[in-house]
Amino acid sequence: MIGLGTIINCAAIVAGGLVGLAGGRFMTDTMLNAISMTGGILIFCIGFNLMWPKMIKVANLLPALVITVIITML
């Protein structure tokens, strides 16, 4: 039996795929490089938290991905 969480995840995957296909036309190479660098820093912070107990709250840094896109659009 499929639960509510499974349905929500499927909808999120489909919506994310559609946004990715539509947004791919508007993303420049500079934007993609900036998002990749920001994501790399966030992944580094996750690894840092695995080594030492919760020194960096990575969830609070997620808006940096949106801010990165806005700054590169200027």
Protein backbone atom coordinates (compact mmCIF):
# COMPACT_ATOMS: atom_id res chain seq x y z
CA MET A 1 0.00 0.00 0.00
CA ILE A 2 1.32 3.42 -0.96
CA GLY A 3 1.47 5.90 1.88
CA LEU A 4 1.04 9.64 1.88
CA GLY A 5 4.79 10.23 2.13
CA THR A 6 5.41 8.20 -1.02
CA ILE A 7 2.83 10.19 -2.96
CA ILE A 8 4.31 13.49 -1.79
CA ASN A 9 7.83 12.36 -2.73
CA CYS A 10 6.70 11.27 -6.20
CA ALA A 11 4.99 14.62 -6.75
CA ALA A 12 8.11 16.46 -5.61
CA ILE A 13 10.32 14.45 -7.97
CA VAL A 14 8.03 15.13 -10.94
CA ALA A 15 7.76 18.84 -10.08
CA GLY A 16 11.53 19.10 -9.64
CA GLY A 17 12.11 17.42 -12.97
CA LEU A 18 9.76 19.80 -14.75
CA VAL A 19 11.37 22.82 -13.12
CA GLY A 20 14.80 21.46 -14.03
CA LEU A 21 13.82 21.00 -17.66
CA ALA A 22 12.25 24.44 -17.89
CA GLY A 23 14.93 26.18 -15.83
CA GLY A 24 17.76 24.63 -17.82
CA ARG A 25 17.17 27.15 -20.58
CA PHE A 26 17.56 30.10 -18.24
CA MET A 27 20.59 28.87 -16.32
CA THR A 28 23.88 30.12 -17.65
CA ASP A 29 27.21 28.39 -17.14
CA THR A 30 28.15 31.02 -14.58
CA MET A 31 25.02 30.28 -12.53
CA LEU A 32 25.60 26.54 -12.64
CA ASN A 33 29.22 26.96 -11.56
CA ALA A 34 28.19 29.23 -8.67
CA ILE A 35 25.51 26.77 -7.53
CA SER A 36 28.03 23.91 -7.75
CA MET A 37 30.54 25.79 -5.63
CA THR A 38 27.91 26.71 -3.05
CA GLY A 39 26.69 23.11 -2.94
CA GLY A 40 30.27 21.91 -2.51
CA ILE A 41 30.71 24.19 0.48
CA LEU A 42 27.46 22.89 2.00
CA ILE A 43 28.60 19.28 1.50
CA PHE A 44 31.92 20.17 3.14
CA CYS A 45 29.96 21.53 6.12
CA ILE A 46 28.02 18.26 6.36
CA GLY A 47 31.31 16.35 6.46
CA PHE A 48 32.62 18.78 9.05
CA ASN A 49 29.56 18.02 11.20
CA LEU A 50 30.26 14.29 10.91
CA MET A 51 33.72 14.82 12.34
CA TRP A 52 32.79 17.24 15.10
CA PRO A 53 29.38 17.41 16.76
CA LYS A 54 27.01 19.92 15.13
CA MET A 55 29.26 22.94 14.93
CA ILE A 56 27.62 24.24 11.73
CA LYS A 57 23.87 24.25 11.16
CA VAL A 58 23.75 23.38 7.47
CA ALA A 59 19.98 23.73 7.12
CA ASN A 60 20.31 27.41 8.00
CA LEU A 61 22.73 27.81 5.08
CA LEU A 62 20.36 26.43 2.40
CA PRO A 63 19.08 29.90 1.40
CA ALA A 64 22.62 30.52 0.13
CA LEU A 65 21.68 28.51 -2.98
CA VAL A 66 18.87 30.96 -3.80
CA ILE A 67 21.02 33.98 -2.96
CA THR A 68 23.75 32.62 -5.25
CA VAL A 69 21.35 32.51 -8.20
CA ILE A 70 20.09 36.03 -7.47
CA ILE A 71 23.61 37.46 -7.23
CA THR A 72 24.74 35.80 -10.46
CA MET A 73 21.69 37.18 -12.28
CA LEU A 74 22.74 40.75 -11.49
